[in-house]
């Protein structure tokens, strides 16, 4: 049922905005992450204003292996 409703919302957005496609996501946080992920490559820095919706400041620290460590 949810998938059908999401499909209808996506179709309505495509028609209203005259875009080739649309993607429904359940939260603004998820949409922000998708937007940043599609525009930035690994290692890029993203600077967001303090009045925007992005409330997390992430700075990755280089490590020697691709694993979690404390």
C-alpha atoms as a PDB file:
ATOM      1  CA  UNK A   1       0.000   0.000   0.000  1.00  0.00           C
ATOM      2  CA  UNK A   2       2.795   2.444   0.895  1.00  0.00           C
ATOM      3  CA  UNK A   3       4.626   1.721  -2.371  1.00  0.00           C
ATOM      4  CA  UNK A   4       1.517   2.558  -4.392  1.00  0.00           C
ATOM      5  CA  UNK A   5       1.025   5.839  -2.513  1.00  0.00           C
ATOM      6  CA  UNK A   6       4.693   6.742  -2.962  1.00  0.00           C
ATOM      7  CA  UNK A   7       4.418   6.023  -6.689  1.00  0.00           C
ATOM      8  CA  UNK A   8       1.402   8.328  -6.952  1.00  0.00           C
ATOM      9  CA  UNK A   9       3.280  11.102  -5.117  1.00  0.00           C
ATOM     10  CA  UNK A  10       6.296  10.678  -7.397  1.00  0.00           C
ATOM     11  CA  UNK A  11       4.094  10.821 -10.508  1.00  0.00           C
ATOM     12  CA  UNK A  12       2.332  13.960  -9.232  1.00  0.00           C
ATOM     13  CA  UNK A  13       5.686  15.636  -8.527  1.00  0.00           C
ATOM     14  CA  UNK A  14       6.954  14.787 -12.025  1.00  0.00           C
ATOM     15  CA  UNK A  15       3.856  16.312 -13.614  1.00  0.00           C
ATOM     16  CA  UNK A  16       3.812  19.461 -11.453  1.00  0.00           C
ATOM     17  CA  UNK A  17       7.529  20.196 -11.692  1.00  0.00           C
ATOM     18  CA  UNK A  18       7.954  19.122 -15.344  1.00  0.00           C
ATOM     19  CA  UNK A  19      10.878  16.897 -14.414  1.00  0.00           C
ATOM     20  CA  UNK A  20      11.830  13.531 -15.933  1.00  0.00           C
ATOM     21  CA  UNK A  21      11.606  11.653 -12.621  1.00  0.00           C
ATOM     22  CA  UNK A  22      10.972  12.021  -8.893  1.00  0.00           C
ATOM     23  CA  UNK A  23      11.905  10.072  -5.781  1.00  0.00           C
ATOM     24  CA  UNK A  24       9.838  10.064  -2.594  1.00  0.00           C
ATOM     25  CA  UNK A  25      11.835   9.744   0.620  1.00  0.00           C
ATOM     26  CA  UNK A  26      10.283   9.629   4.104  1.00  0.00           C
ATOM     27  CA  UNK A  27      12.326  12.409   5.717  1.00  0.00           C
ATOM     28  CA  UNK A  28      14.120  15.653   5.029  1.00  0.00           C
ATOM     29  CA  UNK A  29      17.274  14.197   6.551  1.00  0.00           C
ATOM     30  CA  UNK A  30      17.227  11.348   4.062  1.00  0.00           C
ATOM     31  CA  UNK A  31      16.695  13.747   1.163  1.00  0.00           C
ATOM     32  CA  UNK A  32      19.626  15.893   2.326  1.00  0.00           C
ATOM     33  CA  UNK A  33      21.882  12.838   2.530  1.00  0.00           C
ATOM     34  CA  UNK A  34      20.852  11.696  -0.941  1.00  0.00           C
ATOM     35  CA  UNK A  35      21.419  15.185  -2.353  1.00  0.00           C
ATOM     36  CA  UNK A  36      24.892  15.454  -0.849  1.00  0.00           C
ATOM     37  CA  UNK A  37      25.736  11.899  -1.894  1.00  0.00           C
ATOM     38  CA  UNK A  38      24.825  12.603  -5.518  1.00  0.00           C
ATOM     39  CA  UNK A  39      26.749  15.885  -5.701  1.00  0.00           C
ATOM     40  CA  UNK A  40      29.905  15.072  -3.725  1.00  0.00           C
ATOM     41  CA  UNK A  41      32.580  12.445  -4.071  1.00  0.00           C
ATOM     42  CA  UNK A  42      34.300  10.591  -1.262  1.00  0.00           C
ATOM     43  CA  UNK A  43      36.637  12.982   0.524  1.00  0.00           C
ATOM     44  CA  UNK A  44      34.847  16.160  -0.625  1.00  0.00           C
ATOM     45  CA  UNK A  45      33.987  18.796   1.944  1.00  0.00           C
ATOM     46  CA  UNK A  46      30.450  20.143   2.217  1.00  0.00           C
ATOM     47  CA  UNK A  47      29.880  23.486   3.920  1.00  0.00           C
ATOM     48  CA  UNK A  48      26.330  24.216   5.115  1.00  0.00           C
ATOM     49  CA  UNK A  49      25.027  27.403   6.668  1.00  0.00           C
ATOM     50  CA  UNK A  50      23.986  27.435  10.327  1.00  0.00           C
ATOM     51  CA  UNK A  51      20.392  28.351   9.379  1.00  0.00           C
ATOM     52  CA  UNK A  52      19.978  25.338   7.073  1.00  0.00           C
ATOM     53  CA  UNK A  53      18.491  21.963   7.840  1.00  0.00           C
ATOM     54  CA  UNK A  54      21.797  20.138   8.065  1.00  0.00           C
ATOM     55  CA  UNK A  55      22.579  19.974  11.758  1.00  0.00           C
ATOM     56  CA  UNK A  56      25.533  17.611  11.685  1.00  0.00           C
ATOM     57  CA  UNK A  57      29.126  18.554  11.055  1.00  0.00           C
ATOM     58  CA  UNK A  58      31.159  15.591   9.877  1.00  0.00           C
ATOM     59  CA  UNK A  59      34.895  15.573   9.362  1.00  0.00           C
ATOM     60  CA  UNK A  60      36.306  12.167   8.524  1.00  0.00           C
ATOM     61  CA  UNK A  61      39.626  11.291  10.133  1.00  0.00           C
ATOM     62  CA  UNK A  62      42.025   9.261   7.960  1.00  0.00           C
ATOM     63  CA  UNK A  63      42.671   5.741   9.198  1.00  0.00           C
ATOM     64  CA  UNK A  64      44.770   2.834   7.975  1.00  0.00           C
ATOM     65  CA  UNK A  65      42.003   0.367   7.171  1.00  0.00           C
ATOM     66  CA  UNK A  66      38.377   0.411   6.175  1.00  0.00           C
ATOM     67  CA  UNK A  67      37.093  -0.777   9.533  1.00  0.00           C
ATOM     68  CA  UNK A  68      35.629   0.754  12.641  1.00  0.00           C
ATOM     69  CA  UNK A  69      38.041   1.498  15.426  1.00  0.00           C
ATOM     70  CA  UNK A  70      37.818   3.330  18.708  1.00  0.00           C
END
